[in-house]
């Protein structure tokens, strides 16, 4: 009997989504910062004081990290056990929420010019 490995499918879909975002941010270089929703809340006159290339590069690294975690989870869940997908999604969720839930004033503090 054939069973569908939903964990592998979920990991693969999320990994491909973050790969797409990584490629988009890589192509846009400094303009990739406008894909970050938190940067859209920064007033235009204040946004001049931030290094947009460094912010975009940091977000690219985050997308790449998430892609790798989810890809490894998808591959391991396909070949070994479906539980590896759940572990990968849990690990991704921990890292994702740690990166996302940061105070607004601390979010771009390291990227001031």
PDB file of N, CA and C in Angstrom:
ATOM      1  N   UNK A   1       0.833  -1.178   0.000  1.00  0.00           N
ATOM      2  CA  UNK A   1       0.000   0.000   0.000  1.00  0.00           C
ATOM      3  C   UNK A   1       0.884   1.251   0.000  1.00  0.00           C
ATOM      4  N   UNK A   2       0.540   2.203  -0.809  1.00  0.00           N
ATOM      5  CA  UNK A   2       1.311   3.434  -0.960  1.00  0.00           C
ATOM      6  C   UNK A   2       0.771   4.492  -0.009  1.00  0.00           C
ATOM      7  N   UNK A   3       1.670   5.079   0.773  1.00  0.00           N
ATOM      8  CA  UNK A   3       1.267   6.145   1.690  1.00  0.00           C
ATOM      9  C   UNK A   3       1.909   7.455   1.237  1.00  0.00           C
ATOM     10  N   UNK A   4       1.157   8.512   1.328  1.00  0.00           N
ATOM     11  CA  UNK A   4       1.666   9.818   0.956  1.00  0.00           C
ATOM     12  C   UNK A   4       2.452  10.384   2.133  1.00  0.00           C
ATOM     13  N   UNK A   5       3.665  10.826   1.863  1.00  0.00           N
ATOM     14  CA  UNK A   5       4.524  11.397   2.890  1.00  0.00           C
ATOM     15  C   UNK A   5       4.250  12.899   2.959  1.00  0.00           C
ATOM     16  N   UNK A   6       3.275  13.268   3.783  1.00  0.00           N
ATOM     17  CA  UNK A   6       2.864  14.679   3.853  1.00  0.00           C
ATOM     18  C   UNK A   6       3.960  15.564   4.420  1.00  0.00           C
ATOM     19  N   UNK A   7       4.753  15.042   5.333  1.00  0.00           N
ATOM     20  CA  UNK A   7       5.846  15.837   5.893  1.00  0.00           C
ATOM     21  C   UNK A   7       6.857  16.216   4.834  1.00  0.00           C
ATOM     22  N   UNK A   8       7.182  15.268   3.967  1.00  0.00           N
ATOM     23  CA  UNK A   8       8.123  15.534   2.878  1.00  0.00           C
ATOM     24  C   UNK A   8       7.560  16.580   1.922  1.00  0.00           C
ATOM     25  N   UNK A   9       6.288  16.461   1.621  1.00  0.00           N
ATOM     26  CA  UNK A   9       5.657  17.408   0.702  1.00  0.00           C
ATOM     27  C   UNK A   9       5.626  18.813   1.313  1.00  0.00           C
ATOM     28  N   UNK A  10       5.271  18.920   2.588  1.00  0.00           N
ATOM     29  CA  UNK A  10       5.234  20.235   3.249  1.00  0.00           C
ATOM     30  C   UNK A  10       6.618  20.866   3.296  1.00  0.00           C
ATOM     31  N   UNK A  11       7.626  20.059   3.668  1.00  0.00           N
ATOM     32  CA  UNK A  11       8.994  20.583   3.714  1.00  0.00           C
ATOM     33  C   UNK A  11       9.453  21.030   2.326  1.00  0.00           C
ATOM     34  N   UNK A  12       9.141  20.234   1.315  1.00  0.00           N
ATOM     35  CA  UNK A  12       9.574  20.566  -0.041  1.00  0.00           C
ATOM     36  C   UNK A  12       8.912  21.853  -0.534  1.00  0.00           C
ATOM     37  N   UNK A  13       7.631  22.021  -0.262  1.00  0.00           N
ATOM     38  CA  UNK A  13       6.926  23.223  -0.699  1.00  0.00           C
ATOM     39  C   UNK A  13       7.478  24.456   0.009  1.00  0.00           C
ATOM     40  N   UNK A  14       7.675  24.357   1.324  1.00  0.00           N
ATOM     41  CA  UNK A  14       8.248  25.490   2.057  1.00  0.00           C
ATOM     42  C   UNK A  14       9.672  25.788   1.599  1.00  0.00           C
ATOM     43  N   UNK A  15      10.466  24.738   1.366  1.00  0.00           N
ATOM     44  CA  UNK A  15      11.852  24.938   0.918  1.00  0.00           C
ATOM     45  C   UNK A  15      11.885  25.628  -0.439  1.00  0.00           C
ATOM     46  N   UNK A  16      11.029  25.213  -1.352  1.00  0.00           N
ATOM     47  CA  UNK A  16      10.996  25.844  -2.670  1.00  0.00           C
ATOM     48  C   UNK A  16      10.518  27.294  -2.586  1.00  0.00           C
ATOM     49  N   UNK A  17       9.605  27.568  -1.667  1.00  0.00           N
ATOM     50  CA  UNK A  17       9.143  28.941  -1.467  1.00  0.00           C
ATOM     51  C   UNK A  17      10.286  29.834  -0.998  1.00  0.00           C
ATOM     52  N   UNK A  18      11.063  29.347  -0.024  1.00  0.00           N
ATOM     53  CA  UNK A  18      12.179  30.153   0.472  1.00  0.00           C
ATOM     54  C   UNK A  18      13.312  30.227  -0.538  1.00  0.00           C
ATOM     55  N   UNK A  19      13.465  29.223  -1.373  1.00  0.00           N
ATOM     56  CA  UNK A  19      14.447  29.309  -2.459  1.00  0.00           C
ATOM     57  C   UNK A  19      14.043  30.405  -3.439  1.00  0.00           C
ATOM     58  N   UNK A  20      12.757  30.486  -3.753  1.00  0.00           N
ATOM     59  CA  UNK A  20      12.257  31.538  -4.637  1.00  0.00           C
ATOM     60  C   UNK A  20      12.536  32.921  -4.044  1.00  0.00           C
ATOM     61  N   UNK A  21      12.231  33.102  -2.749  1.00  0.00           N
ATOM     62  CA  UNK A  21      12.494  34.388  -2.101  1.00  0.00           C
ATOM     63  C   UNK A  21      13.988  34.701  -2.073  1.00  0.00           C
ATOM     64  N   UNK A  22      14.818  33.687  -1.872  1.00  0.00           N
ATOM     65  CA  UNK A  22      16.264  33.883  -1.885  1.00  0.00           C
ATOM     66  C   UNK A  22      16.722  34.381  -3.254  1.00  0.00           C
ATOM     67  N   UNK A  23      16.203  33.785  -4.307  1.00  0.00           N
ATOM     68  CA  UNK A  23      16.583  34.188  -5.667  1.00  0.00           C
ATOM     69  C   UNK A  23      16.104  35.606  -5.961  1.00  0.00           C
ATOM     70  N   UNK A  24      14.887  35.937  -5.541  1.00  0.00           N
ATOM     71  CA  UNK A  24      14.354  37.287  -5.760  1.00  0.00           C
ATOM     72  C   UNK A  24      15.208  38.321  -5.034  1.00  0.00           C
ATOM     73  N   UNK A  25      15.550  38.056  -3.771  1.00  0.00           N
ATOM     74  CA  UNK A  25      16.384  39.003  -3.016  1.00  0.00           C
ATOM     75  C   UNK A  25      17.781  39.098  -3.604  1.00  0.00           C
ATOM     76  N   UNK A  26      18.285  38.000  -4.162  1.00  0.00           N
ATOM     77  CA  UNK A  26      19.607  38.036  -4.783  1.00  0.00           C
ATOM     78  C   UNK A  26      19.594  38.878  -6.045  1.00  0.00           C
ATOM     79  N   UNK A  27      18.534  38.791  -6.796  1.00  0.00           N
ATOM     80  CA  UNK A  27      18.448  39.556  -8.044  1.00  0.00           C
ATOM     81  C   UNK A  27      18.229  41.049  -7.783  1.00  0.00           C
ATOM     82  N   UNK A  28      17.481  41.371  -6.745  1.00  0.00           N
ATOM     83  CA  UNK A  28      17.159  42.775  -6.477  1.00  0.00           C
ATOM     84  C   UNK A  28      18.261  43.517  -5.734  1.00  0.00           C
ATOM     85  N   UNK A  29      19.207  42.801  -5.139  1.00  0.00           N
ATOM     86  CA  UNK A  29      20.315  43.379  -4.353  1.00  0.00           C
ATOM     87  C   UNK A  29      19.760  44.297  -3.263  1.00  0.00           C
ATOM     88  N   UNK A  30      20.052  45.572  -3.301  1.00  0.00           N
ATOM     89  CA  UNK A  30      19.621  46.503  -2.262  1.00  0.00           C
ATOM     90  C   UNK A  30      18.124  46.756  -2.245  1.00  0.00           C
ATOM     91  N   UNK A  31      17.476  46.577  -3.381  1.00  0.00           N
ATOM     92  CA  UNK A  31      16.030  46.796  -3.443  1.00  0.00           C
ATOM     93  C   UNK A  31      15.256  45.644  -2.817  1.00  0.00           C
ATOM     94  N   UNK A  32      15.942  44.539  -2.541  1.00  0.00           N
ATOM     95  CA  UNK A  32      15.296  43.402  -1.897  1.00  0.00           C
ATOM     96  C   UNK A  32      14.814  43.717  -0.493  1.00  0.00           C
ATOM     97  N   UNK A  33      15.292  44.823   0.049  1.00  0.00           N
ATOM     98  CA  UNK A  33      14.886  45.233   1.391  1.00  0.00           C
ATOM     99  C   UNK A  33      13.397  45.581   1.428  1.00  0.00           C
ATOM    100  N   UNK A  34      12.842  45.978   0.312  1.00  0.00           N
ATOM    101  CA  UNK A  34      11.426  46.330   0.280  1.00  0.00           C
ATOM    102  C   UNK A  34      10.523  45.108   0.301  1.00  0.00           C
ATOM    103  N   UNK A  35      11.086  43.912   0.200  1.00  0.00           N
ATOM    104  CA  UNK A  35      10.322  42.676   0.359  1.00  0.00           C
ATOM    105  C   UNK A  35      10.116  42.344   1.837  1.00  0.00           C
ATOM    106  N   UNK A  36      10.847  43.022   2.709  1.00  0.00           N
ATOM    107  CA  UNK A  36      10.729  42.803   4.146  1.00  0.00           C
ATOM    108  C   UNK A  36       9.610  43.700   4.661  1.00  0.00           C
ATOM    109  N   UNK A  37       8.587  43.109   5.220  1.00  0.00           N
ATOM    110  CA  UNK A  37       7.420  43.892   5.615  1.00  0.00           C
ATOM    111  C   UNK A  37       7.738  44.881   6.737  1.00  0.00           C
ATOM    112  N   UNK A  38       8.668  44.540   7.625  1.00  0.00           N
ATOM    113  CA  UNK A  38       8.999  45.453   8.728  1.00  0.00           C
ATOM    114  C   UNK A  38       9.690  46.712   8.219  1.00  0.00           C
ATOM    115  N   UNK A  39      10.425  46.614   7.121  1.00  0.00           N
ATOM    116  CA  UNK A  39      11.103  47.795   6.589  1.00  0.00           C
ATOM    117  C   UNK A  39      10.123  48.753   5.932  1.00  0.00           C
ATOM    118  N   UNK A  40       8.987  48.254   5.496  1.00  0.00           N
ATOM    119  CA  UNK A  40       7.978  49.125   4.895  1.00  0.00           C
ATOM    120  C   UNK A  40       7.370  50.066   5.929  1.00  0.00           C
ATOM    121  N   UNK A  41       7.433  49.678   7.222  1.00  0.00           N
ATOM    122  CA  UNK A  41       6.880  50.514   8.285  1.00  0.00           C
ATOM    123  C   UNK A  41       7.814  51.654   8.685  1.00  0.00           C
ATOM    124  N   UNK A  42       9.075  51.594   8.257  1.00  0.00           N
ATOM    125  CA  UNK A  42      10.046  52.639   8.586  1.00  0.00           C
ATOM    126  C   UNK A  42       9.740  53.856   7.717  1.00  0.00           C
ATOM    127  N   UNK A  43       9.651  55.047   8.309  1.00  0.00           N
ATOM    128  CA  UNK A  43       9.396  56.251   7.501  1.00  0.00           C
ATOM    129  C   UNK A  43      10.492  56.468   6.455  1.00  0.00           C
ATOM    130  N   UNK A  44      10.117  57.051   5.339  1.00  0.00           N
ATOM    131  CA  UNK A  44      11.036  57.221   4.217  1.00  0.00           C
ATOM    132  C   UNK A  44      12.270  58.046   4.604  1.00  0.00           C
ATOM    133  N   UNK A  45      12.069  59.116   5.366  1.00  0.00           N
ATOM    134  CA  UNK A  45      13.222  59.937   5.733  1.00  0.00           C
ATOM    135  C   UNK A  45      14.156  59.203   6.696  1.00  0.00           C
ATOM    136  N   UNK A  46      13.619  58.297   7.499  1.00  0.00           N
ATOM    137  CA  UNK A  46      14.470  57.511   8.396  1.00  0.00           C
ATOM    138  C   UNK A  46      15.138  56.338   7.675  1.00  0.00           C
ATOM    139  N   UNK A  47      14.529  55.856   6.612  1.00  0.00           N
ATOM    140  CA  UNK A  47      15.093  54.709   5.896  1.00  0.00           C
ATOM    141  C   UNK A  47      16.398  55.043   5.183  1.00  0.00           C
ATOM    142  N   UNK A  48      16.663  56.324   4.983  1.00  0.00           N
ATOM    143  CA  UNK A  48      17.931  56.721   4.355  1.00  0.00           C
ATOM    144  C   UNK A  48      19.120  56.398   5.242  1.00  0.00           C
ATOM    145  N   UNK A  49      18.898  56.282   6.543  1.00  0.00           N
ATOM    146  CA  UNK A  49      19.992  56.063   7.486  1.00  0.00           C
ATOM    147  C   UNK A  49      20.350  54.596   7.665  1.00  0.00           C
ATOM    148  N   UNK A  50      19.747  53.717   6.897  1.00  0.00           N
ATOM    149  CA  UNK A  50      20.022  52.286   7.006  1.00  0.00           C
ATOM    150  C   UNK A  50      20.732  51.784   5.754  1.00  0.00           C
ATOM    151  N   UNK A  51      21.616  50.836   5.946  1.00  0.00           N
ATOM    152  CA  UNK A  51      22.328  50.220   4.828  1.00  0.00           C
ATOM    153  C   UNK A  51      21.434  49.128   4.237  1.00  0.00           C
ATOM    154  N   UNK A  52      20.782  49.454   3.138  1.00  0.00           N
ATOM    155  CA  UNK A  52      19.799  48.544   2.547  1.00  0.00           C
ATOM    156  C   UNK A  52      20.436  47.267   2.005  1.00  0.00           C
ATOM    157  N   UNK A  53      21.661  47.365   1.499  1.00  0.00           N
ATOM    158  CA  UNK A  53      22.339  46.171   0.982  1.00  0.00           C
ATOM    159  C   UNK A  53      22.626  45.165   2.093  1.00  0.00           C
ATOM    160  N   UNK A  54      23.053  45.660   3.255  1.00  0.00           N
ATOM    161  CA  UNK A  54      23.335  44.759   4.374  1.00  0.00           C
ATOM    162  C   UNK A  54      22.052  44.119   4.899  1.00  0.00           C
ATOM    163  N   UNK A  55      20.969  44.873   4.945  1.00  0.00           N
ATOM    164  CA  UNK A  55      19.692  44.318   5.390  1.00  0.00           C
ATOM    165  C   UNK A  55      19.228  43.248   4.415  1.00  0.00           C
ATOM    166  N   UNK A  56      19.339  43.541   3.126  1.00  0.00           N
ATOM    167  CA  UNK A  56      18.938  42.580   2.102  1.00  0.00           C
ATOM    168  C   UNK A  56      19.806  41.321   2.170  1.00  0.00           C
ATOM    169  N   UNK A  57      21.099  41.504   2.403  1.00  0.00           N
ATOM    170  CA  UNK A  57      22.014  40.364   2.510  1.00  0.00           C
ATOM    171  C   UNK A  57      21.669  39.499   3.723  1.00  0.00           C
ATOM    172  N   UNK A  58      21.328  40.125   4.821  1.00  0.00           N
ATOM    173  CA  UNK A  58      20.945  39.384   6.023  1.00  0.00           C
ATOM    174  C   UNK A  58      19.660  38.602   5.796  1.00  0.00           C
ATOM    175  N   UNK A  59      18.720  39.202   5.097  1.00  0.00           N
ATOM    176  CA  UNK A  59      17.468  38.492   4.807  1.00  0.00           C
ATOM    177  C   UNK A  59      17.712  37.346   3.834  1.00  0.00           C
ATOM    178  N   UNK A  60      18.611  37.546   2.882  1.00  0.00           N
ATOM    179  CA  UNK A  60      18.977  36.455   1.968  1.00  0.00           C
ATOM    180  C   UNK A  60      19.569  35.288   2.731  1.00  0.00           C
ATOM    181  N   UNK A  61      20.443  35.589   3.700  1.00  0.00           N
ATOM    182  CA  UNK A  61      21.033  34.522   4.508  1.00  0.00           C
ATOM    183  C   UNK A  61      19.971  33.774   5.295  1.00  0.00           C
ATOM    184  N   UNK A  62      18.984  34.497   5.803  1.00  0.00           N
ATOM    185  CA  UNK A  62      17.894  33.846   6.539  1.00  0.00           C
ATOM    186  C   UNK A  62      17.101  32.931   5.609  1.00  0.00           C
ATOM    187  N   UNK A  63      16.772  33.406   4.403  1.00  0.00           N
ATOM    188  CA  UNK A  63      16.059  32.561   3.441  1.00  0.00           C
ATOM    189  C   UNK A  63      16.868  31.325   3.093  1.00  0.00           C
ATOM    190  N   UNK A  64      18.182  31.487   2.930  1.00  0.00           N
ATOM    191  CA  UNK A  64      19.050  30.365   2.592  1.00  0.00           C
ATOM    192  C   UNK A  64      19.095  29.356   3.735  1.00  0.00           C
ATOM    193  N   UNK A  65      19.193  29.843   4.958  1.00  0.00           N
ATOM    194  CA  UNK A  65      19.219  28.971   6.128  1.00  0.00           C
ATOM    195  C   UNK A  65      17.920  28.184   6.231  1.00  0.00           C
ATOM    196  N   UNK A  66      16.786  28.858   6.043  1.00  0.00           N
ATOM    197  CA  UNK A  66      15.498  28.189   6.111  1.00  0.00           C
ATOM    198  C   UNK A  66      15.362  27.167   4.989  1.00  0.00           C
ATOM    199  N   UNK A  67      15.832  27.510   3.797  1.00  0.00           N
ATOM    200  CA  UNK A  67      15.789  26.583   2.662  1.00  0.00           C
ATOM    201  C   UNK A  67      16.596  25.320   2.962  1.00  0.00           C
ATOM    202  N   UNK A  68      17.784  25.479   3.520  1.00  0.00           N
ATOM    203  CA  UNK A  68      18.633  24.318   3.796  1.00  0.00           C
ATOM    204  C   UNK A  68      17.996  23.415   4.853  1.00  0.00           C
ATOM    205  N   UNK A  69      17.487  24.002   5.918  1.00  0.00           N
ATOM    206  CA  UNK A  69      16.855  23.206   6.980  1.00  0.00           C
ATOM    207  C   UNK A  69      15.684  22.407   6.423  1.00  0.00           C
ATOM    208  N   UNK A  70      14.831  23.067   5.664  1.00  0.00           N
ATOM    209  CA  UNK A  70      13.644  22.391   5.140  1.00  0.00           C
ATOM    210  C   UNK A  70      13.987  21.396   4.041  1.00  0.00           C
ATOM    211  N   UNK A  71      15.012  21.668   3.238  1.00  0.00           N
ATOM    212  CA  UNK A  71      15.432  20.715   2.206  1.00  0.00           C
ATOM    213  C   UNK A  71      15.990  19.442   2.827  1.00  0.00           C
ATOM    214  N   UNK A  72      16.822  19.605   3.853  1.00  0.00           N
ATOM    215  CA  UNK A  72      17.365  18.432   4.542  1.00  0.00           C
ATOM    216  C   UNK A  72      16.227  17.634   5.177  1.00  0.00           C
ATOM    217  N   UNK A  73      15.268  18.327   5.763  1.00  0.00           N
ATOM    218  CA  UNK A  73      14.105  17.645   6.340  1.00  0.00           C
ATOM    219  C   UNK A  73      13.304  16.893   5.298  1.00  0.00           C
ATOM    220  N   UNK A  74      13.120  17.485   4.122  1.00  0.00           N
ATOM    221  CA  UNK A  74      12.369  16.818   3.055  1.00  0.00           C
ATOM    222  C   UNK A  74      13.109  15.581   2.547  1.00  0.00           C
ATOM    223  N   UNK A  75      14.413  15.705   2.363  1.00  0.00           N
ATOM    224  CA  UNK A  75      15.201  14.570   1.852  1.00  0.00           C
ATOM    225  C   UNK A  75      15.234  13.432   2.871  1.00  0.00           C
ATOM    226  N   UNK A  76      15.501  13.768   4.135  1.00  0.00           N
ATOM    227  CA  UNK A  76      15.553  12.733   5.161  1.00  0.00           C
ATOM    228  C   UNK A  76      14.194  12.084   5.394  1.00  0.00           C
ATOM    229  N   UNK A  77      13.129  12.867   5.317  1.00  0.00           N
ATOM    230  CA  UNK A  77      11.801  12.283   5.514  1.00  0.00           C
ATOM    231  C   UNK A  77      11.397  11.411   4.332  1.00  0.00           C
ATOM    232  N   UNK A  78      11.906  11.698   3.159  1.00  0.00           N
ATOM    233  CA  UNK A  78      11.589  10.866   1.998  1.00  0.00           C
ATOM    234  C   UNK A  78      12.316   9.522   2.061  1.00  0.00           C
ATOM    235  N   UNK A  79      13.582   9.557   2.458  1.00  0.00           N
ATOM    236  CA  UNK A  79      14.377   8.340   2.424  1.00  0.00           C
ATOM    237  C   UNK A  79      14.392   7.566   3.739  1.00  0.00           C
ATOM    238  N   UNK A  80      14.230   8.227   4.887  1.00  0.00           N
ATOM    239  CA  UNK A  80      14.379   7.529   6.163  1.00  0.00           C
ATOM    240  C   UNK A  80      13.049   7.426   6.906  1.00  0.00           C
ATOM    241  N   UNK A  81      12.551   8.547   7.408  1.00  0.00           N
ATOM    242  CA  UNK A  81      11.324   8.526   8.190  1.00  0.00           C
ATOM    243  C   UNK A  81      10.618   9.871   8.075  1.00  0.00           C
ATOM    244  N   UNK A  82       9.315   9.817   8.144  1.00  0.00           N
ATOM    245  CA  UNK A  82       8.511  11.022   8.022  1.00  0.00           C
ATOM    246  C   UNK A  82       8.736  11.957   9.215  1.00  0.00           C
ATOM    247  N   UNK A  83       9.193  11.434  10.308  1.00  0.00           N
ATOM    248  CA  UNK A  83       9.401  12.243  11.505  1.00  0.00           C
ATOM    249  C   UNK A  83      10.505  13.287  11.330  1.00  0.00           C
ATOM    250  N   UNK A  84      11.425  13.056  10.410  1.00  0.00           N
ATOM    251  CA  UNK A  84      12.457  14.051  10.146  1.00  0.00           C
ATOM    252  C   UNK A  84      11.852  15.346   9.596  1.00  0.00           C
ATOM    253  N   UNK A  85      10.768  15.235   8.870  1.00  0.00           N
ATOM    254  CA  UNK A  85      10.092  16.437   8.362  1.00  0.00           C
ATOM    255  C   UNK A  85       9.500  17.231   9.509  1.00  0.00           C
ATOM    256  N   UNK A  86       8.924  16.538  10.472  1.00  0.00           N
ATOM    257  CA  UNK A  86       8.346  17.233  11.615  1.00  0.00           C
ATOM    258  C   UNK A  86       9.433  17.912  12.448  1.00  0.00           C
ATOM    259  N   UNK A  87      10.570  17.257  12.578  1.00  0.00           N
ATOM    260  CA  UNK A  87      11.690  17.854  13.298  1.00  0.00           C
ATOM    261  C   UNK A  87      12.192  19.091  12.551  1.00  0.00           C
ATOM    262  N   UNK A  88      12.312  18.986  11.229  1.00  0.00           N
ATOM    263  CA  UNK A  88      12.788  20.121  10.428  1.00  0.00           C
ATOM    264  C   UNK A  88      11.815  21.294  10.493  1.00  0.00           C
ATOM    265  N   UNK A  89      10.524  21.016  10.423  1.00  0.00           N
ATOM    266  CA  UNK A  89       9.530  22.095  10.496  1.00  0.00           C
ATOM    267  C   UNK A  89       9.539  22.727  11.882  1.00  0.00           C
ATOM    268  N   UNK A  90       9.696  21.918  12.915  1.00  0.00           N
ATOM    269  CA  UNK A  90       9.789  22.458  14.269  1.00  0.00           C
ATOM    270  C   UNK A  90      11.017  23.324  14.454  1.00  0.00           C
ATOM    271  N   UNK A  91      12.157  22.864  13.945  1.00  0.00           N
ATOM    272  CA  UNK A  91      13.391  23.648  14.023  1.00  0.00           C
ATOM    273  C   UNK A  91      13.258  24.945  13.234  1.00  0.00           C
ATOM    274  N   UNK A  92      12.686  24.853  12.036  1.00  0.00           N
ATOM    275  CA  UNK A  92      12.465  26.055  11.228  1.00  0.00           C
ATOM    276  C   UNK A  92      11.546  27.031  11.965  1.00  0.00           C
ATOM    277  N   UNK A  93      10.486  26.532  12.589  1.00  0.00           N
ATOM    278  CA  UNK A  93       9.550  27.408  13.296  1.00  0.00           C
ATOM    279  C   UNK A  93      10.238  28.118  14.453  1.00  0.00           C
ATOM    280  N   UNK A  94      11.085  27.407  15.185  1.00  0.00           N
ATOM    281  CA  UNK A  94      11.825  28.045  16.277  1.00  0.00           C
ATOM    282  C   UNK A  94      12.712  29.176  15.767  1.00  0.00           C
ATOM    283  N   UNK A  95      13.468  28.902  14.729  1.00  0.00           N
ATOM    284  CA  UNK A  95      14.371  29.911  14.169  1.00  0.00           C
ATOM    285  C   UNK A  95      13.580  31.060  13.546  1.00  0.00           C
ATOM    286  N   UNK A  96      12.524  30.729  12.843  1.00  0.00           N
ATOM    287  CA  UNK A  96      11.688  31.735  12.184  1.00  0.00           C
ATOM    288  C   UNK A  96      11.093  32.703  13.201  1.00  0.00           C
ATOM    289  N   UNK A  97      10.469  32.180  14.252  1.00  0.00           N
ATOM    290  CA  UNK A  97       9.822  33.047  15.226  1.00  0.00           C
ATOM    291  C   UNK A  97      10.833  33.814  16.071  1.00  0.00           C
ATOM    292  N   UNK A  98      12.013  33.243  16.286  1.00  0.00           N
ATOM    293  CA  UNK A  98      13.064  33.972  16.994  1.00  0.00           C
ATOM    294  C   UNK A  98      13.502  35.180  16.169  1.00  0.00           C
ATOM    295  N   UNK A  99      13.602  35.015  14.860  1.00  0.00           N
ATOM    296  CA  UNK A  99      14.007  36.106  13.981  1.00  0.00           C
ATOM    297  C   UNK A  99      12.897  37.132  13.768  1.00  0.00           C
ATOM    298  N   UNK A 100      11.673  36.693  13.766  1.00  0.00           N
ATOM    299  CA  UNK A 100      10.553  37.571  13.440  1.00  0.00           C
ATOM    300  C   UNK A 100      10.134  38.438  14.629  1.00  0.00           C
ATOM    301  N   UNK A 101      10.043  37.840  15.814  1.00  0.00           N
ATOM    302  CA  UNK A 101       9.545  38.579  16.967  1.00  0.00           C
ATOM    303  C   UNK A 101      10.677  39.301  17.685  1.00  0.00           C
ATOM    304  N   UNK A 102      11.077  40.418  17.091  1.00  0.00           N
ATOM    305  CA  UNK A 102      12.095  41.292  17.648  1.00  0.00           C
ATOM    306  C   UNK A 102      11.448  42.664  17.773  1.00  0.00           C
ATOM    307  N   UNK A 103      11.811  43.400  18.792  1.00  0.00           N
ATOM    308  CA  UNK A 103      11.243  44.742  18.965  1.00  0.00           C
ATOM    309  C   UNK A 103      11.586  45.615  17.768  1.00  0.00           C
ATOM    310  N   UNK A 104      10.677  46.479  17.426  1.00  0.00           N
ATOM    311  CA  UNK A 104      10.856  47.351  16.259  1.00  0.00           C
ATOM    312  C   UNK A 104      12.113  48.212  16.359  1.00  0.00           C
ATOM    313  N   UNK A 105      12.409  48.730  17.537  1.00  0.00           N
ATOM    314  CA  UNK A 105      13.579  49.598  17.644  1.00  0.00           C
ATOM    315  C   UNK A 105      14.887  48.826  17.559  1.00  0.00           C
ATOM    316  N   UNK A 106      14.861  47.522  17.834  1.00  0.00           N
ATOM    317  CA  UNK A 106      16.074  46.702  17.742  1.00  0.00           C
ATOM    318  C   UNK A 106      16.222  45.999  16.400  1.00  0.00           C
ATOM    319  N   UNK A 107      15.200  46.075  15.575  1.00  0.00           N
ATOM    320  CA  UNK A 107      15.172  45.292  14.346  1.00  0.00           C
ATOM    321  C   UNK A 107      16.281  45.678  13.372  1.00  0.00           C
ATOM    322  N   UNK A 108      16.438  46.951  13.096  1.00  0.00           N
ATOM    323  CA  UNK A 108      17.423  47.401  12.119  1.00  0.00           C
ATOM    324  C   UNK A 108      18.556  48.193  12.776  1.00  0.00           C
ATOM    325  N   UNK A 109      18.686  48.098  14.083  1.00  0.00           N
ATOM    326  CA  UNK A 109      19.682  48.870  14.809  1.00  0.00           C
ATOM    327  C   UNK A 109      21.109  48.579  14.317  1.00  0.00           C
ATOM    328  N   UNK A 110      21.412  47.344  13.970  1.00  0.00           N
ATOM    329  CA  UNK A 110      22.766  46.972  13.532  1.00  0.00           C
ATOM    330  C   UNK A 110      23.101  47.475  12.127  1.00  0.00           C
ATOM    331  N   UNK A 111      22.111  47.974  11.414  1.00  0.00           N
ATOM    332  CA  UNK A 111      22.315  48.344  10.008  1.00  0.00           C
ATOM    333  C   UNK A 111      22.311  49.850   9.767  1.00  0.00           C
ATOM    334  N   UNK A 112      22.438  50.625  10.819  1.00  0.00           N
ATOM    335  CA  UNK A 112      22.495  52.078  10.644  1.00  0.00           C
ATOM    336  C   UNK A 112      23.811  52.482  10.016  1.00  0.00           C
ATOM    337  N   UNK A 113      23.739  53.486   9.168  1.00  0.00           N
ATOM    338  CA  UNK A 113      24.958  53.979   8.492  1.00  0.00           C
ATOM    339  C   UNK A 113      25.665  54.969   9.389  1.00  0.00           C
TER     340      UNK A 113
END
